[in-house]
Amino acid sequence: MASRLLANLIVMGSTIVGRAVLQAYRQALANASKSGVAQETVQNIRRASKIMAEPEARQILGVAEHSSWEEILQVS
């Protein structure tokens, strides 16, 4: 009898905690949308995920267009 009561309390407690966490998550998303944090985060992700063009990479490394892989590896 005591184990059944304890199991019910655990299930009810975890349900309550789960609902509270879900509600807090939804509120955090709403706050982020209102303050512009969500849009800023998306923009930062887009900037970070850009693929560098080959001419830009060559310019950063300081190698010519006709450089071999060995020359590029020596530079880096």
PDB file of N, CA and C in Angstrom:
ATOM      1  N   MET A   1       0.820  -1.188   0.000  1.00  0.00           N
ATOM      2  CA  MET A   1       0.000   0.000   0.000  1.00  0.00           C
ATOM      3  C   MET A   1       0.870   1.260   0.000  1.00  0.00           C
ATOM      4  N   ALA A   2       1.923   1.274   0.822  1.00  0.00           N
ATOM      5  CA  ALA A   2       2.810   2.436   0.899  1.00  0.00           C
ATOM      6  C   ALA A   2       3.576   2.625  -0.411  1.00  0.00           C
ATOM      7  N   SER A   3       3.968   1.540  -1.034  1.00  0.00           N
ATOM      8  CA  SER A   3       4.719   1.657  -2.289  1.00  0.00           C
ATOM      9  C   SER A   3       3.837   2.216  -3.398  1.00  0.00           C
ATOM     10  N   ARG A   4       2.567   1.829  -3.382  1.00  0.00           N
ATOM     11  CA  ARG A   4       1.642   2.351  -4.391  1.00  0.00           C
ATOM     12  C   ARG A   4       1.430   3.851  -4.193  1.00  0.00           C
ATOM     13  N   LEU A   5       1.308   4.287  -2.950  1.00  0.00           N
ATOM     14  CA  LEU A   5       1.146   5.702  -2.640  1.00  0.00           C
ATOM     15  C   LEU A   5       2.392   6.475  -3.048  1.00  0.00           C
ATOM     16  N   LEU A   6       3.557   5.933  -2.748  1.00  0.00           N
ATOM     17  CA  LEU A   6       4.820   6.568  -3.123  1.00  0.00           C
ATOM     18  C   LEU A   6       4.949   6.675  -4.638  1.00  0.00           C
ATOM     19  N   ALA A   7       4.569   5.631  -5.362  1.00  0.00           N
ATOM     20  CA  ALA A   7       4.632   5.659  -6.824  1.00  0.00           C
ATOM     21  C   ALA A   7       3.703   6.728  -7.381  1.00  0.00           C
ATOM     22  N   ASN A   8       2.503   6.837  -6.826  1.00  0.00           N
ATOM     23  CA  ASN A   8       1.565   7.866  -7.273  1.00  0.00           C
ATOM     24  C   ASN A   8       2.110   9.263  -7.003  1.00  0.00           C
ATOM     25  N   LEU A   9       2.726   9.464  -5.856  1.00  0.00           N
ATOM     26  CA  LEU A   9       3.311  10.763  -5.533  1.00  0.00           C
ATOM     27  C   LEU A   9       4.445  11.111  -6.490  1.00  0.00           C
ATOM     28  N   ILE A  10       5.236  10.144  -6.824  1.00  0.00           N
ATOM     29  CA  ILE A  10       6.347  10.376  -7.759  1.00  0.00           C
ATOM     30  C   ILE A  10       5.813  10.745  -9.136  1.00  0.00           C
ATOM     31  N   VAL A  11       4.800  10.035  -9.604  1.00  0.00           N
ATOM     32  CA  VAL A  11       4.226  10.320 -10.914  1.00  0.00           C
ATOM     33  C   VAL A  11       3.591  11.704 -10.919  1.00  0.00           C
ATOM     34  N   MET A  12       2.833  12.028  -9.900  1.00  0.00           N
ATOM     35  CA  MET A  12       2.192  13.335  -9.833  1.00  0.00           C
ATOM     36  C   MET A  12       3.233  14.444  -9.730  1.00  0.00           C
ATOM     37  N   GLY A  13       4.252  14.227  -8.912  1.00  0.00           N
ATOM     38  CA  GLY A  13       5.304  15.232  -8.756  1.00  0.00           C
ATOM     39  C   GLY A  13       6.057  15.480 -10.045  1.00  0.00           C
ATOM     40  N   SER A  14       6.384  14.416 -10.748  1.00  0.00           N
ATOM     41  CA  SER A  14       7.120  14.592 -12.008  1.00  0.00           C
ATOM     42  C   SER A  14       6.243  15.255 -13.069  1.00  0.00           C
ATOM     43  N   THR A  15       4.938  14.992 -13.038  1.00  0.00           N
ATOM     44  CA  THR A  15       4.022  15.652 -13.966  1.00  0.00           C
ATOM     45  C   THR A  15       3.976  17.148 -13.697  1.00  0.00           C
ATOM     46  N   ILE A  16       3.895  17.512 -12.422  1.00  0.00           N
ATOM     47  CA  ILE A  16       3.848  18.927 -12.049  1.00  0.00           C
ATOM     48  C   ILE A  16       5.142  19.623 -12.441  1.00  0.00           C
ATOM     49  N   VAL A  17       6.261  18.999 -12.158  1.00  0.00           N
ATOM     50  CA  VAL A  17       7.557  19.592 -12.499  1.00  0.00           C
ATOM     51  C   VAL A  17       7.702  19.699 -14.023  1.00  0.00           C
ATOM     52  N   GLY A  18       7.271  18.690 -14.743  1.00  0.00           N
ATOM     53  CA  GLY A  18       7.346  18.718 -16.202  1.00  0.00           C
ATOM     54  C   GLY A  18       6.531  19.853 -16.793  1.00  0.00           C
ATOM     55  N   ARG A  19       5.334  20.051 -16.270  1.00  0.00           N
ATOM     56  CA  ARG A  19       4.493  21.152 -16.750  1.00  0.00           C
ATOM     57  C   ARG A  19       5.127  22.503 -16.436  1.00  0.00           C
ATOM     58  N   ALA A  20       5.714  22.620 -15.251  1.00  0.00           N
ATOM     59  CA  ALA A  20       6.356  23.882 -14.874  1.00  0.00           C
ATOM     60  C   ALA A  20       7.543  24.184 -15.777  1.00  0.00           C
ATOM     61  N   VAL A  21       8.331  23.180 -16.089  1.00  0.00           N
ATOM     62  CA  VAL A  21       9.480  23.372 -16.982  1.00  0.00           C
ATOM     63  C   VAL A  21       9.009  23.775 -18.374  1.00  0.00           C
ATOM     64  N   LEU A  22       7.968  23.124 -18.864  1.00  0.00           N
ATOM     65  CA  LEU A  22       7.433  23.461 -20.184  1.00  0.00           C
ATOM     66  C   LEU A  22       6.909  24.890 -20.211  1.00  0.00           C
ATOM     67  N   GLN A  23       6.210  25.293 -19.165  1.00  0.00           N
ATOM     68  CA  GLN A  23       5.695  26.649 -19.091  1.00  0.00           C
ATOM     69  C   GLN A  23       6.840  27.669 -19.030  1.00  0.00           C
ATOM     70  N   ALA A  24       7.887  27.366 -18.270  1.00  0.00           N
ATOM     71  CA  ALA A  24       9.034  28.271 -18.183  1.00  0.00           C
ATOM     72  C   ALA A  24       9.739  28.380 -19.529  1.00  0.00           C
ATOM     73  N   TYR A  25       9.832  27.277 -20.248  1.00  0.00           N
ATOM     74  CA  TYR A  25      10.468  27.287 -21.569  1.00  0.00           C
ATOM     75  C   TYR A  25       9.663  28.154 -22.536  1.00  0.00           C
ATOM     76  N   ARG A  26       8.348  27.998 -22.512  1.00  0.00           N
ATOM     77  CA  ARG A  26       7.503  28.809 -23.386  1.00  0.00           C
ATOM     78  C   ARG A  26       7.635  30.288 -23.049  1.00  0.00           C
ATOM     79  N   GLN A  27       7.695  30.600 -21.762  1.00  0.00           N
ATOM     80  CA  GLN A  27       7.843  31.994 -21.355  1.00  0.00           C
ATOM     81  C   GLN A  27       9.197  32.546 -21.791  1.00  0.00           C
ATOM     82  N   ALA A  28      10.231  31.744 -21.690  1.00  0.00           N
ATOM     83  CA  ALA A  28      11.561  32.181 -22.122  1.00  0.00           C
ATOM     84  C   ALA A  28      11.571  32.463 -23.622  1.00  0.00           C
ATOM     85  N   LEU A  29      10.914  31.624 -24.416  1.00  0.00           N
ATOM     86  CA  LEU A  29      10.820  31.858 -25.858  1.00  0.00           C
ATOM     87  C   LEU A  29      10.058  33.136 -26.157  1.00  0.00           C
ATOM     88  N   ALA A  30       8.979  33.365 -25.418  1.00  0.00           N
ATOM     89  CA  ALA A  30       8.198  34.588 -25.629  1.00  0.00           C
ATOM     90  C   ALA A  30       9.030  35.820 -25.274  1.00  0.00           C
ATOM     91  N   ASN A  31       9.779  35.756 -24.186  1.00  0.00           N
ATOM     92  CA  ASN A  31      10.622  36.883 -23.780  1.00  0.00           C
ATOM     93  C   ASN A  31      11.725  37.138 -24.807  1.00  0.00           C
ATOM     94  N   ALA A  32      12.292  36.068 -25.325  1.00  0.00           N
ATOM     95  CA  ALA A  32      13.355  36.206 -26.320  1.00  0.00           C
ATOM     96  C   ALA A  32      12.815  36.844 -27.601  1.00  0.00           C
ATOM     97  N   SER A  33      11.612  36.481 -27.981  1.00  0.00           N
ATOM     98  CA  SER A  33      11.007  37.058 -29.180  1.00  0.00           C
ATOM     99  C   SER A  33      10.722  38.541 -28.992  1.00  0.00           C
ATOM    100  N   LYS A  34      10.257  38.909 -27.810  1.00  0.00           N
ATOM    101  CA  LYS A  34       9.935  40.308 -27.544  1.00  0.00           C
ATOM    102  C   LYS A  34      11.175  41.187 -27.503  1.00  0.00           C
ATOM    103  N   SER A  35      12.264  40.665 -26.958  1.00  0.00           N
ATOM    104  CA  SER A  35      13.463  41.483 -26.796  1.00  0.00           C
ATOM    105  C   SER A  35      14.370  41.471 -28.027  1.00  0.00           C
ATOM    106  N   GLY A  36      14.079  40.631 -28.991  1.00  0.00           N
ATOM    107  CA  GLY A  36      14.893  40.583 -30.202  1.00  0.00           C
ATOM    108  C   GLY A  36      16.078  39.648 -30.096  1.00  0.00           C
ATOM    109  N   VAL A  37      16.199  38.955 -28.982  1.00  0.00           N
ATOM    110  CA  VAL A  37      17.327  38.034 -28.800  1.00  0.00           C
ATOM    111  C   VAL A  37      17.241  36.888 -29.796  1.00  0.00           C
ATOM    112  N   ALA A  38      16.033  36.425 -30.074  1.00  0.00           N
ATOM    113  CA  ALA A  38      15.876  35.303 -30.992  1.00  0.00           C
ATOM    114  C   ALA A  38      16.365  35.674 -32.394  1.00  0.00           C
ATOM    115  N   GLN A  39      15.993  36.867 -32.860  1.00  0.00           N
ATOM    116  CA  GLN A  39      16.420  37.288 -34.198  1.00  0.00           C
ATOM    117  C   GLN A  39      17.928  37.479 -34.244  1.00  0.00           C
ATOM    118  N   GLU A  40      18.486  38.036 -33.186  1.00  0.00           N
ATOM    119  CA  GLU A  40      19.939  38.238 -33.139  1.00  0.00           C
ATOM    120  C   GLU A  40      20.670  36.905 -33.167  1.00  0.00           C
ATOM    121  N   THR A  41      20.146  35.930 -32.464  1.00  0.00           N
ATOM    122  CA  THR A  41      20.765  34.606 -32.444  1.00  0.00           C
ATOM    123  C   THR A  41      20.723  33.969 -33.824  1.00  0.00           C
ATOM    124  N   VAL A  42      19.597  34.085 -34.500  1.00  0.00           N
ATOM    125  CA  VAL A  42      19.480  33.526 -35.854  1.00  0.00           C
ATOM    126  C   VAL A  42      20.469  34.200 -36.786  1.00  0.00           C
ATOM    127  N   GLN A  43      20.612  35.520 -36.683  1.00  0.00           N
ATOM    128  CA  GLN A  43      21.566  36.230 -37.529  1.00  0.00           C
ATOM    129  C   GLN A  43      22.991  35.786 -37.243  1.00  0.00           C
ATOM    130  N   ASN A  44      23.332  35.582 -35.969  1.00  0.00           N
ATOM    131  CA  ASN A  44      24.680  35.121 -35.624  1.00  0.00           C
ATOM    132  C   ASN A  44      24.946  33.734 -36.174  1.00  0.00           C
ATOM    133  N   ILE A  45      23.943  32.877 -36.137  1.00  0.00           N
ATOM    134  CA  ILE A  45      24.107  31.523 -36.680  1.00  0.00           C
ATOM    135  C   ILE A  45      24.309  31.595 -38.189  1.00  0.00           C
ATOM    136  N   ARG A  46      23.544  32.451 -38.852  1.00  0.00           N
ATOM    137  CA  ARG A  46      23.687  32.582 -40.310  1.00  0.00           C
ATOM    138  C   ARG A  46      25.071  33.106 -40.670  1.00  0.00           C
ATOM    139  N   ARG A  47      25.563  34.085 -39.894  1.00  0.00           N
ATOM    140  CA  ARG A  47      26.904  34.628 -40.169  1.00  0.00           C
ATOM    141  C   ARG A  47      27.976  33.571 -39.960  1.00  0.00           C
ATOM    142  N   ALA A  48      27.818  32.776 -38.920  1.00  0.00           N
ATOM    143  CA  ALA A  48      28.829  31.777 -38.599  1.00  0.00           C
ATOM    144  C   ALA A  48      28.823  30.616 -39.585  1.00  0.00           C
ATOM    145  N   SER A  49      27.683  30.364 -40.208  1.00  0.00           N
ATOM    146  CA  SER A  49      27.595  29.216 -41.095  1.00  0.00           C
ATOM    147  C   SER A  49      27.935  29.547 -42.547  1.00  0.00           C
ATOM    148  N   LYS A  50      28.349  30.769 -42.824  1.00  0.00           N
ATOM    149  CA  LYS A  50      28.726  31.121 -44.191  1.00  0.00           C
ATOM    150  C   LYS A  50      29.951  30.311 -44.606  1.00  0.00           C
ATOM    151  N   ILE A  51      29.931  29.875 -45.829  1.00  0.00           N
ATOM    152  CA  ILE A  51      31.076  29.154 -46.368  1.00  0.00           C
ATOM    153  C   ILE A  51      31.994  30.177 -47.023  1.00  0.00           C
ATOM    154  N   MET A  52      33.257  30.094 -46.682  1.00  0.00           N
ATOM    155  CA  MET A  52      34.221  31.049 -47.222  1.00  0.00           C
ATOM    156  C   MET A  52      34.488  30.732 -48.681  1.00  0.00           C
ATOM    157  N   ALA A  53      34.518  31.763 -49.494  1.00  0.00           N
ATOM    158  CA  ALA A  53      34.814  31.604 -50.915  1.00  0.00           C
ATOM    159  C   ALA A  53      36.310  31.346 -51.095  1.00  0.00           C
ATOM    160  N   GLU A  54      36.651  30.658 -52.159  1.00  0.00           N
ATOM    161  CA  GLU A  54      38.045  30.312 -52.412  1.00  0.00           C
ATOM    162  C   GLU A  54      38.944  31.540 -52.558  1.00  0.00           C
ATOM    163  N   PRO A  55      38.532  32.573 -53.297  1.00  0.00           N
ATOM    164  CA  PRO A  55      39.406  33.757 -53.397  1.00  0.00           C
ATOM    165  C   PRO A  55      39.665  34.409 -52.033  1.00  0.00           C
ATOM    166  N   GLU A  56      38.649  34.416 -51.176  1.00  0.00           N
ATOM    167  CA  GLU A  56      38.823  34.987 -49.836  1.00  0.00           C
ATOM    168  C   GLU A  56      39.811  34.158 -49.019  1.00  0.00           C
ATOM    169  N   ALA A  57      39.707  32.849 -49.123  1.00  0.00           N
ATOM    170  CA  ALA A  57      40.623  31.966 -48.401  1.00  0.00           C
ATOM    171  C   ALA A  57      42.053  32.147 -48.901  1.00  0.00           C
ATOM    172  N   ARG A  58      42.213  32.257 -50.203  1.00  0.00           N
ATOM    173  CA  ARG A  58      43.550  32.463 -50.772  1.00  0.00           C
ATOM    174  C   ARG A  58      44.137  33.797 -50.311  1.00  0.00           C
ATOM    175  N   GLN A  59      43.296  34.826 -50.240  1.00  0.00           N
ATOM    176  CA  GLN A  59      43.756  36.138 -49.793  1.00  0.00           C
ATOM    177  C   GLN A  59      44.201  36.089 -48.329  1.00  0.00           C
ATOM    178  N   ILE A  60      43.428  35.393 -47.496  1.00  0.00           N
ATOM    179  CA  ILE A  60      43.781  35.284 -46.077  1.00  0.00           C
ATOM    180  C   ILE A  60      45.086  34.527 -45.901  1.00  0.00           C
ATOM    181  N   LEU A  61      45.254  33.447 -46.679  1.00  0.00           N
ATOM    182  CA  LEU A  61      46.481  32.659 -46.571  1.00  0.00           C
ATOM    183  C   LEU A  61      47.660  33.325 -47.277  1.00  0.00           C
ATOM    184  N   GLY A  62      47.357  34.225 -48.186  1.00  0.00           N
ATOM    185  CA  GLY A  62      48.425  34.896 -48.912  1.00  0.00           C
ATOM    186  C   GLY A  62      49.065  34.034 -49.976  1.00  0.00           C
ATOM    187  N   VAL A  63      48.259  33.242 -50.653  1.00  0.00           N
ATOM    188  CA  VAL A  63      48.772  32.383 -51.714  1.00  0.00           C
ATOM    189  C   VAL A  63      48.136  32.785 -53.039  1.00  0.00           C
ATOM    190  N   ALA A  64      48.849  32.500 -54.120  1.00  0.00           N
ATOM    191  CA  ALA A  64      48.365  32.837 -55.453  1.00  0.00           C
ATOM    192  C   ALA A  64      47.383  31.784 -55.937  1.00  0.00           C
ATOM    193  N   GLU A  65      46.679  32.117 -57.003  1.00  0.00           N
ATOM    194  CA  GLU A  65      45.668  31.211 -57.546  1.00  0.00           C
ATOM    195  C   GLU A  65      46.278  29.922 -58.081  1.00  0.00           C
ATOM    196  N   HIS A  66      47.501  29.981 -58.580  1.00  0.00           N
ATOM    197  CA  HIS A  66      48.141  28.804 -59.167  1.00  0.00           C
ATOM    198  C   HIS A  66      49.020  28.040 -58.161  1.00  0.00           C
ATOM    199  N   SER A  67      48.913  28.343 -56.867  1.00  0.00           N
ATOM    200  CA  SER A  67      49.731  27.669 -55.847  1.00  0.00           C
ATOM    201  C   SER A  67      49.316  26.205 -55.705  1.00  0.00           C
ATOM    202  N   SER A  68      50.308  25.364 -55.442  1.00  0.00           N
ATOM    203  CA  SER A  68      50.027  23.945 -55.240  1.00  0.00           C
ATOM    204  C   SER A  68      49.614  23.710 -53.782  1.00  0.00           C
ATOM    205  N   TRP A  69      49.085  22.510 -53.516  1.00  0.00           N
ATOM    206  CA  TRP A  69      48.670  22.171 -52.153  1.00  0.00           C
ATOM    207  C   TRP A  69      49.857  22.194 -51.198  1.00  0.00           C
ATOM    208  N   GLU A  70      51.019  21.771 -51.680  1.00  0.00           N
ATOM    209  CA  GLU A  70      52.204  21.767 -50.830  1.00  0.00           C
ATOM    210  C   GLU A  70      52.569  23.181 -50.375  1.00  0.00           C
ATOM    211  N   GLU A  71      52.467  24.129 -51.312  1.00  0.00           N
ATOM    212  CA  GLU A  71      52.764  25.525 -50.975  1.00  0.00           C
ATOM    213  C   GLU A  71      51.727  26.067 -49.974  1.00  0.00           C
ATOM    214  N   ILE A  72      50.476  25.714 -50.175  1.00  0.00           N
ATOM    215  CA  ILE A  72      49.429  26.191 -49.264  1.00  0.00           C
ATOM    216  C   ILE A  72      49.626  25.603 -47.875  1.00  0.00           C
ATOM    217  N   LEU A  73      49.991  24.338 -47.791  1.00  0.00           N
ATOM    218  CA  LEU A  73      50.214  23.697 -46.505  1.00  0.00           C
ATOM    219  C   LEU A  73      51.429  24.287 -45.784  1.00  0.00           C
ATOM    220  N   GLN A  74      52.439  24.696 -46.530  1.00  0.00           N
ATOM    221  CA  GLN A  74      53.621  25.296 -45.915  1.00  0.00           C
ATOM    222  C   GLN A  74      53.281  26.654 -45.309  1.00  0.00           C
ATOM    223  N   VAL A  75      52.366  27.385 -45.928  1.00  0.00           N
ATOM    224  CA  VAL A  75      51.958  28.711 -45.446  1.00  0.00           C
ATOM    225  C   VAL A  75      51.177  28.578 -44.141  1.00  0.00           C
ATOM    226  N   SER A  76      50.293  27.606 -44.097  1.00  0.00           N
ATOM    227  CA  SER A  76      49.461  27.457 -42.916  1.00  0.00           C
ATOM    228  C   SER A  76      50.222  26.700 -41.877  1.00  0.00           C
TER     229      SER A  76
END
